[in-house]
Amino acid sequence: MAYMVLGLFIFLGVHSLRIFADGWRTQTLARVGEKAFKGMYSLLSVLGLGLIVWGFGLAREAPVQLWLPPAGMRHAAALLNVLAFVLLVAAYVPGNAIKARLHHPMVLGVKTWAFAHLIANGNLAHMVLFGAFLAWAVLDFISLRRRDRVLAVRYPAGTLSATLVTLLLGVLLAGVFALWLHGWLIGVKPFG
């Protein structure tokens, strides 16, 4: 569990610079340059993610069960994860109404994904992992919305076609991930 916590600290710490140290981030970016900054950011992100994956794998070998979720929570989590994929896709499909309305759909997707996994899993490693991501996403969303207000950011209205593409791709990716990739990458088949 210690490796996972260290990984969370590194990964979420790097991804929290704009939340807690935006001035330092801006100064460092100006001092070292964009390429060097992005290189360090990427290296620390990969290191943190690697530690999270490794530590989570170790923690799953000796699970500490805190509570037993009702079976229905797995179904709720599945539906929430479809929404999380739609939100993730909305961050990248230009001109969709979801991004126009929500402004930061990727962060909302992380919140939804983390919450879905919290309600469907009751062991300590899951609580720490998904609880950390949920807390980070809540803080990041507040920070992003505050920054948008200060900078008077306006998001263009979305089109119906881009929104339909977003929904279709999100649902399709959710299905592919749930039915095939989750088991292969994570070792748990949500529907098997």
C-alpha atoms as a PDB file:
ATOM      1  CA  MET A   1       0.000   0.000   0.000  1.00  0.00           C
ATOM      2  CA  ALA A   2       2.923   2.355   0.675  1.00  0.00           C
ATOM      3  CA  TYR A   3       3.983   2.287  -2.995  1.00  0.00           C
ATOM      4  CA  MET A   4       0.462   3.110  -4.093  1.00  0.00           C
ATOM      5  CA  VAL A   5       0.213   6.032  -1.650  1.00  0.00           C
ATOM      6  CA  LEU A   6       3.619   7.339  -2.784  1.00  0.00           C
ATOM      7  CA  GLY A   7       2.467   7.021  -6.401  1.00  0.00           C
ATOM      8  CA  LEU A   8      -0.762   8.879  -5.621  1.00  0.00           C
ATOM      9  CA  PHE A   9       1.203  11.609  -3.895  1.00  0.00           C
ATOM     10  CA  ILE A  10       3.494  12.035  -6.924  1.00  0.00           C
ATOM     11  CA  PHE A  11       0.860  11.645  -9.655  1.00  0.00           C
ATOM     12  CA  LEU A  12      -1.868  13.741  -8.049  1.00  0.00           C
ATOM     13  CA  GLY A  13       0.696  16.189  -6.698  1.00  0.00           C
ATOM     14  CA  VAL A  14       1.987  16.927 -10.186  1.00  0.00           C
ATOM     15  CA  HIS A  15      -1.576  17.226 -11.439  1.00  0.00           C
ATOM     16  CA  SER A  16      -2.382  19.645  -8.584  1.00  0.00           C
ATOM     17  CA  LEU A  17       0.185  22.310  -9.401  1.00  0.00           C
ATOM     18  CA  ARG A  18      -2.419  24.627 -10.902  1.00  0.00           C
ATOM     19  CA  ILE A  19      -4.648  24.082  -7.855  1.00  0.00           C
ATOM     20  CA  PHE A  20      -2.125  24.784  -5.111  1.00  0.00           C
ATOM     21  CA  ALA A  21       0.968  26.341  -6.714  1.00  0.00           C
ATOM     22  CA  ASP A  22      -0.052  28.100  -9.904  1.00  0.00           C
ATOM     23  CA  GLY A  23       2.396  30.947  -9.326  1.00  0.00           C
ATOM     24  CA  TRP A  24       5.296  28.553  -8.763  1.00  0.00           C
ATOM     25  CA  ARG A  25       4.250  26.577 -11.847  1.00  0.00           C
ATOM     26  CA  THR A  26       4.199  29.731 -13.985  1.00  0.00           C
ATOM     27  CA  GLN A  27       7.624  30.845 -12.694  1.00  0.00           C
ATOM     28  CA  THR A  28       9.159  27.406 -13.208  1.00  0.00           C
ATOM     29  CA  LEU A  29       7.686  27.138 -16.687  1.00  0.00           C
ATOM     30  CA  ALA A  30       9.222  30.523 -17.598  1.00  0.00           C
ATOM     31  CA  ARG A  31      12.562  29.611 -16.009  1.00  0.00           C
ATOM     32  CA  VAL A  32      13.126  26.143 -17.518  1.00  0.00           C
ATOM     33  CA  GLY A  33      11.058  26.426 -20.691  1.00  0.00           C
ATOM     34  CA  GLU A  34       7.977  24.591 -21.905  1.00  0.00           C
ATOM     35  CA  LYS A  35       9.723  21.467 -23.227  1.00  0.00           C
ATOM     36  CA  ALA A  36      11.759  20.886 -20.064  1.00  0.00           C
ATOM     37  CA  PHE A  37       8.739  21.541 -17.862  1.00  0.00           C
ATOM     38  CA  LYS A  38       6.535  19.167 -19.835  1.00  0.00           C
ATOM     39  CA  GLY A  39       9.326  16.588 -19.813  1.00  0.00           C
ATOM     40  CA  MET A  40       9.634  16.718 -16.001  1.00  0.00           C
ATOM     41  CA  TYR A  41       5.847  16.748 -15.643  1.00  0.00           C
ATOM     42  CA  SER A  42       5.515  13.687 -17.882  1.00  0.00           C
ATOM     43  CA  LEU A  43       8.352  11.815 -16.203  1.00  0.00           C
ATOM     44  CA  LEU A  44       6.892  12.390 -12.733  1.00  0.00           C
ATOM     45  CA  SER A  45       3.409  11.462 -13.976  1.00  0.00           C
ATOM     46  CA  VAL A  46       4.647   8.166 -15.432  1.00  0.00           C
ATOM     47  CA  LEU A  47       6.632   7.420 -12.267  1.00  0.00           C
ATOM     48  CA  GLY A  48       3.593   8.160 -10.087  1.00  0.00           C
ATOM     49  CA  LEU A  49       1.268   6.115 -12.268  1.00  0.00           C
ATOM     50  CA  GLY A  50       3.710   3.204 -12.280  1.00  0.00           C
ATOM     51  CA  LEU A  51       3.896   3.262  -8.488  1.00  0.00           C
ATOM     52  CA  ILE A  52       0.101   3.429  -8.253  1.00  0.00           C
ATOM     53  CA  VAL A  53      -0.327   0.408 -10.522  1.00  0.00           C
ATOM     54  CA  TRP A  54       2.399  -1.589  -8.790  1.00  0.00           C
ATOM     55  CA  GLY A  55       1.269  -0.654  -5.283  1.00  0.00           C
ATOM     56  CA  PHE A  56      -2.379  -1.358  -6.083  1.00  0.00           C
ATOM     57  CA  GLY A  57      -1.418  -4.762  -7.460  1.00  0.00           C
ATOM     58  CA  LEU A  58       0.476  -5.553  -4.259  1.00  0.00           C
ATOM     59  CA  ALA A  59      -2.398  -4.338  -2.090  1.00  0.00           C
ATOM     60  CA  ARG A  60      -4.857  -6.548  -3.998  1.00  0.00           C
ATOM     61  CA  GLU A  61      -2.789  -9.622  -3.040  1.00  0.00           C
ATOM     62  CA  ALA A  62      -3.770  -9.176   0.616  1.00  0.00           C
ATOM     63  CA  PRO A  63      -7.041  -7.213   0.595  1.00  0.00           C
ATOM     64  CA  VAL A  64      -8.368  -5.570   3.740  1.00  0.00           C
ATOM     65  CA  GLN A  65     -12.158  -5.637   3.463  1.00  0.00           C
ATOM     66  CA  LEU A  66     -13.818  -2.632   5.108  1.00  0.00           C
ATOM     67  CA  TRP A  67     -17.395  -3.256   3.981  1.00  0.00           C
ATOM     68  CA  LEU A  68     -19.308  -5.450   1.585  1.00  0.00           C
ATOM     69  CA  PRO A  69     -21.112  -3.449  -1.088  1.00  0.00           C
ATOM     70  CA  PRO A  70     -24.592  -4.625  -2.108  1.00  0.00           C
ATOM     71  CA  ALA A  71     -24.648  -6.450  -5.458  1.00  0.00           C
ATOM     72  CA  GLY A  72     -26.711  -3.657  -6.991  1.00  0.00           C
ATOM     73  CA  MET A  73     -23.807  -1.259  -6.610  1.00  0.00           C
ATOM     74  CA  ARG A  74     -21.954  -3.129  -9.372  1.00  0.00           C
ATOM     75  CA  HIS A  75     -24.798  -2.299 -11.756  1.00  0.00           C
ATOM     76  CA  ALA A  76     -24.849   1.326 -10.650  1.00  0.00           C
ATOM     77  CA  ALA A  77     -21.079   1.485 -11.093  1.00  0.00           C
ATOM     78  CA  ALA A  78     -21.382   0.075 -14.612  1.00  0.00           C
ATOM     79  CA  LEU A  79     -23.872   2.785 -15.578  1.00  0.00           C
ATOM     80  CA  LEU A  80     -21.767   5.488 -13.967  1.00  0.00           C
ATOM     81  CA  ASN A  81     -18.714   4.287 -15.865  1.00  0.00           C
ATOM     82  CA  VAL A  82     -20.582   4.628 -19.164  1.00  0.00           C
ATOM     83  CA  LEU A  83     -21.237   8.246 -18.173  1.00  0.00           C
ATOM     84  CA  ALA A  84     -17.555   8.640 -17.222  1.00  0.00           C
ATOM     85  CA  PHE A  85     -16.483   7.484 -20.691  1.00  0.00           C
ATOM     86  CA  VAL A  86     -18.924   9.871 -22.370  1.00  0.00           C
ATOM     87  CA  LEU A  87     -17.503  12.716 -20.283  1.00  0.00           C
ATOM     88  CA  LEU A  88     -13.938  11.676 -21.131  1.00  0.00           C
ATOM     89  CA  VAL A  89     -14.730  11.652 -24.852  1.00  0.00           C
ATOM     90  CA  ALA A  90     -16.500  15.016 -24.508  1.00  0.00           C
ATOM     91  CA  ALA A  91     -13.193  16.558 -23.484  1.00  0.00           C
ATOM     92  CA  TYR A  92     -11.726  15.708 -26.901  1.00  0.00           C
ATOM     93  CA  VAL A  93     -14.527  15.884 -29.484  1.00  0.00           C
ATOM     94  CA  PRO A  94     -14.615  19.488 -30.667  1.00  0.00           C
ATOM     95  CA  GLY A  95     -17.881  21.370 -30.704  1.00  0.00           C
ATOM     96  CA  ASN A  96     -19.994  19.085 -28.521  1.00  0.00           C
ATOM     97  CA  ALA A  97     -22.730  20.445 -26.268  1.00  0.00           C
ATOM     98  CA  ILE A  98     -21.532  18.438 -23.251  1.00  0.00           C
ATOM     99  CA  LYS A  99     -18.266  20.360 -23.072  1.00  0.00           C
ATOM    100  CA  ALA A 100     -20.087  23.599 -23.858  1.00  0.00           C
ATOM    101  CA  ARG A 101     -22.378  23.032 -20.878  1.00  0.00           C
ATOM    102  CA  LEU A 102     -20.032  21.397 -18.330  1.00  0.00           C
ATOM    103  CA  HIS A 103     -16.761  23.111 -19.376  1.00  0.00           C
ATOM    104  CA  HIS A 104     -14.430  20.479 -17.885  1.00  0.00           C
ATOM    105  CA  PRO A 105     -15.910  17.088 -18.720  1.00  0.00           C
ATOM    106  CA  MET A 106     -12.682  15.134 -18.243  1.00  0.00           C
ATOM    107  CA  VAL A 107     -12.442  16.098 -14.582  1.00  0.00           C
ATOM    108  CA  LEU A 108     -16.135  15.309 -14.149  1.00  0.00           C
ATOM    109  CA  GLY A 109     -15.439  11.960 -15.817  1.00  0.00           C
ATOM    110  CA  VAL A 110     -12.677  11.241 -13.285  1.00  0.00           C
ATOM    111  CA  LYS A 111     -15.072  12.139 -10.451  1.00  0.00           C
ATOM    112  CA  THR A 112     -17.735   9.836 -11.864  1.00  0.00           C
ATOM    113  CA  TRP A 113     -15.253   6.992 -12.463  1.00  0.00           C
ATOM    114  CA  ALA A 114     -13.816   7.285  -8.946  1.00  0.00           C
ATOM    115  CA  PHE A 115     -17.243   7.466  -7.295  1.00  0.00           C
ATOM    116  CA  ALA A 116     -18.455   4.461  -9.296  1.00  0.00           C
ATOM    117  CA  HIS A 117     -15.507   2.396  -8.112  1.00  0.00           C
ATOM    118  CA  LEU A 118     -15.949   3.527  -4.501  1.00  0.00           C
ATOM    119  CA  ILE A 119     -19.564   2.363  -4.325  1.00  0.00           C
ATOM    120  CA  ALA A 120     -18.796  -1.006  -5.915  1.00  0.00           C
ATOM    121  CA  ASN A 121     -15.686  -1.954  -3.925  1.00  0.00           C
ATOM    122  CA  GLY A 122     -15.271  -2.140  -0.207  1.00  0.00           C
ATOM    123  CA  ASN A 123     -11.632  -2.868   0.478  1.00  0.00           C
ATOM    124  CA  LEU A 124      -9.001  -0.494   1.797  1.00  0.00           C
ATOM    125  CA  ALA A 125      -6.899  -0.283  -1.366  1.00  0.00           C
ATOM    126  CA  HIS A 126      -9.947   0.713  -3.417  1.00  0.00           C
ATOM    127  CA  MET A 127     -10.995   3.296  -0.827  1.00  0.00           C
ATOM    128  CA  VAL A 128      -7.538   4.895  -0.827  1.00  0.00           C
ATOM    129  CA  LEU A 129      -7.066   4.806  -4.608  1.00  0.00           C
ATOM    130  CA  PHE A 130     -10.486   5.941  -5.741  1.00  0.00           C
ATOM    131  CA  GLY A 131     -11.025   8.208  -2.742  1.00  0.00           C
ATOM    132  CA  ALA A 132      -7.809  10.070  -3.589  1.00  0.00           C
ATOM    133  CA  PHE A 133      -8.831  10.486  -7.220  1.00  0.00           C
ATOM    134  CA  LEU A 134     -12.315  11.636  -6.209  1.00  0.00           C
ATOM    135  CA  ALA A 135     -10.944  14.207  -3.760  1.00  0.00           C
ATOM    136  CA  TRP A 136      -8.446  15.467  -6.351  1.00  0.00           C
ATOM    137  CA  ALA A 137     -11.127  15.739  -9.050  1.00  0.00           C
ATOM    138  CA  VAL A 138     -13.452  17.707  -6.758  1.00  0.00           C
ATOM    139  CA  LEU A 139     -10.676  20.173  -5.900  1.00  0.00           C
ATOM    140  CA  ASP A 140      -9.525  20.418  -9.506  1.00  0.00           C
ATOM    141  CA  PHE A 141     -13.039  21.070 -10.807  1.00  0.00           C
ATOM    142  CA  ILE A 142     -13.542  23.872  -8.262  1.00  0.00           C
ATOM    143  CA  SER A 143     -10.166  25.343  -9.224  1.00  0.00           C
ATOM    144  CA  LEU A 144     -10.895  25.139 -12.951  1.00  0.00           C
ATOM    145  CA  ARG A 145     -14.318  26.757 -12.617  1.00  0.00           C
ATOM    146  CA  ARG A 146     -12.833  29.526 -10.463  1.00  0.00           C
ATOM    147  CA  ARG A 147     -10.089  30.129 -13.058  1.00  0.00           C
ATOM    148  CA  ASP A 148     -12.729  30.252 -15.822  1.00  0.00           C
ATOM    149  CA  ARG A 149     -14.656  32.923 -13.899  1.00  0.00           C
ATOM    150  CA  VAL A 150     -11.552  35.028 -13.269  1.00  0.00           C
ATOM    151  CA  LEU A 151     -10.473  34.817 -16.921  1.00  0.00           C
ATOM    152  CA  ALA A 152     -14.072  35.202 -18.184  1.00  0.00           C
ATOM    153  CA  VAL A 153     -13.710  32.070 -20.317  1.00  0.00           C
ATOM    154  CA  ARG A 154     -16.590  31.429 -22.698  1.00  0.00           C
ATOM    155  CA  TYR A 155     -17.246  28.035 -24.225  1.00  0.00           C
ATOM    156  CA  PRO A 156     -18.800  27.926 -27.691  1.00  0.00           C
ATOM    157  CA  ALA A 157     -22.175  26.265 -28.067  1.00  0.00           C
ATOM    158  CA  GLY A 158     -22.040  22.674 -29.215  1.00  0.00           C
ATOM    159  CA  THR A 159     -23.608  21.160 -32.284  1.00  0.00           C
ATOM    160  CA  LEU A 160     -26.007  18.249 -32.358  1.00  0.00           C
ATOM    161  CA  SER A 161     -23.785  16.198 -34.658  1.00  0.00           C
ATOM    162  CA  ALA A 162     -20.683  16.600 -32.462  1.00  0.00           C
ATOM    163  CA  THR A 163     -22.723  15.764 -29.378  1.00  0.00           C
ATOM    164  CA  LEU A 164     -24.130  12.606 -30.994  1.00  0.00           C
ATOM    165  CA  VAL A 165     -20.616  11.548 -32.031  1.00  0.00           C
ATOM    166  CA  THR A 166     -19.458  12.160 -28.454  1.00  0.00           C
ATOM    167  CA  LEU A 167     -22.268  10.032 -27.013  1.00  0.00           C
ATOM    168  CA  LEU A 168     -21.736   7.224 -29.521  1.00  0.00           C
ATOM    169  CA  LEU A 169     -17.967   7.100 -29.020  1.00  0.00           C
ATOM    170  CA  GLY A 170     -18.311   7.279 -25.230  1.00  0.00           C
ATOM    171  CA  VAL A 171     -20.789   4.408 -25.061  1.00  0.00           C
ATOM    172  CA  LEU A 172     -18.755   2.358 -27.546  1.00  0.00           C
ATOM    173  CA  LEU A 173     -15.506   2.872 -25.622  1.00  0.00           C
ATOM    174  CA  ALA A 174     -17.235   2.062 -22.325  1.00  0.00           C
ATOM    175  CA  GLY A 175     -18.497  -1.207 -23.784  1.00  0.00           C
ATOM    176  CA  VAL A 176     -15.123  -2.198 -25.240  1.00  0.00           C
ATOM    177  CA  PHE A 177     -13.377  -1.363 -21.987  1.00  0.00           C
ATOM    178  CA  ALA A 178     -15.900  -3.147 -19.757  1.00  0.00           C
ATOM    179  CA  LEU A 179     -16.205  -6.262 -21.884  1.00  0.00           C
ATOM    180  CA  TRP A 180     -12.598  -6.771 -22.929  1.00  0.00           C
ATOM    181  CA  LEU A 181      -9.957  -4.277 -21.787  1.00  0.00           C
ATOM    182  CA  HIS A 182     -10.796  -4.065 -18.069  1.00  0.00           C
ATOM    183  CA  GLY A 183     -10.190  -7.779 -17.592  1.00  0.00           C
ATOM    184  CA  TRP A 184      -7.036  -7.750 -19.687  1.00  0.00           C
ATOM    185  CA  LEU A 185      -5.503  -4.613 -18.135  1.00  0.00           C
ATOM    186  CA  ILE A 186      -6.854  -4.728 -14.570  1.00  0.00           C
ATOM    187  CA  GLY A 187      -7.424  -8.452 -14.113  1.00  0.00           C
ATOM    188  CA  VAL A 188     -11.083  -8.033 -13.142  1.00  0.00           C
ATOM    189  CA  LYS A 189     -13.939  -8.698 -15.540  1.00  0.00           C
ATOM    190  CA  PRO A 190     -16.858  -6.488 -14.522  1.00  0.00           C
ATOM    191  CA  PHE A 191     -19.347  -8.717 -16.350  1.00  0.00           C
ATOM    192  CA  GLY A 192     -17.708 -12.096 -16.063  1.00  0.00           C
END
